[in-house]
Amino acid sequence: MIIFGRHLTIEPINGCGVFLELSTSRPVWVVDINTEEMFSMPFKGTMLYLPFLLITYGRVYDGED
């Protein structure tokens, strides 16, 4: 889901901690919708870890930005 030009995701995780992480270059996997090729790109944003959930809000950018 895209809100204000940034991606919002909610994913299940195997963990039960509660903490907040601010990242400027966390590597994430992305898929090109045209070629279905999978590759890694840096993520800049906020990650909120809740029991068994990870909520991320930020943007994925090209390493040259």
Protein backbone atom coordinates (compact mmCIF):
# COMPACT_ATOMS: atom_id res chain seq x y z
CA MET A 1 0.00 0.00 0.00
CA ILE A 2 1.36 3.46 -0.85
CA ILE A 3 0.51 6.42 1.42
CA PHE A 4 2.02 9.87 0.76
CA GLY A 5 4.51 8.34 -1.69
CA ARG A 6 5.86 5.81 0.83
CA HIS A 7 5.22 2.09 1.18
CA LEU A 8 3.32 0.70 4.16
CA THR A 9 3.66 -3.03 4.76
CA ILE A 10 2.53 -5.42 7.50
CA GLU A 11 4.22 -8.83 7.65
CA PRO A 12 4.17 -11.77 10.06
CA ILE A 13 7.44 -12.53 11.87
CA ASN A 14 8.65 -15.17 14.33
CA GLY A 15 9.29 -12.96 17.33
CA CYS A 16 7.52 -11.40 20.26
CA GLY A 17 9.50 -8.23 21.06
CA VAL A 18 8.26 -4.65 20.88
CA PHE A 19 10.65 -2.05 19.52
CA LEU A 20 11.07 0.71 16.95
CA GLU A 21 13.85 0.85 14.35
CA LEU A 22 14.76 3.84 12.18
CA SER A 23 16.75 2.82 9.13
CA THR A 24 18.56 4.65 6.35
CA SER A 25 19.91 1.73 4.34
CA ARG A 26 18.34 -1.58 5.36
CA PRO A 27 18.51 -4.09 2.46
CA VAL A 28 15.12 -5.46 1.34
CA TRP A 29 14.06 -7.77 -1.48
CA VAL A 30 11.99 -6.23 -4.28
CA VAL A 31 10.38 -7.68 -7.41
CA ASP A 32 10.22 -5.83 -10.73
CA ILE A 33 6.57 -6.09 -11.82
CA ASN A 34 7.49 -6.02 -15.53
CA THR A 35 10.19 -8.72 -15.59
CA GLU A 36 9.39 -10.49 -12.27
CA GLU A 37 13.10 -10.28 -11.47
CA MET A 38 13.98 -10.26 -7.75
CA PHE A 39 16.85 -8.14 -6.40
CA SER A 40 17.95 -6.24 -3.31
CA MET A 41 17.55 -2.48 -2.76
CA PRO A 42 18.08 -0.19 0.27
CA PHE A 43 15.09 0.84 2.40
CA LYS A 44 14.84 4.15 4.28
CA GLY A 45 12.09 4.43 6.86
CA THR A 46 10.59 3.28 10.14
CA MET A 47 10.04 -0.28 11.29
CA LEU A 48 7.76 -1.09 14.21
CA TYR A 49 8.17 -4.59 15.62
CA LEU A 50 5.16 -5.92 17.55
CA PRO A 51 4.54 -9.46 18.80
CA PHE A 52 4.52 -11.58 15.62
CA LEU A 53 4.14 -8.51 13.30
CA LEU A 54 6.49 -6.14 11.51
CA ILE A 55 5.05 -2.84 10.26
CA THR A 56 7.27 -0.84 7.90
CA TYR A 57 6.71 2.65 6.50
CA GLY A 58 9.22 4.29 4.18
CA ARG A 59 10.65 4.16 0.71
CA VAL A 60 12.87 1.85 -1.29
CA TYR A 61 15.45 3.72 -3.31
CA ASP A 62 18.15 3.10 -5.87
CA GLY A 63 21.60 2.98 -4.25
CA GLU A 64 22.65 5.91 -6.42
CA ASP A 65 20.05 8.32 -4.93
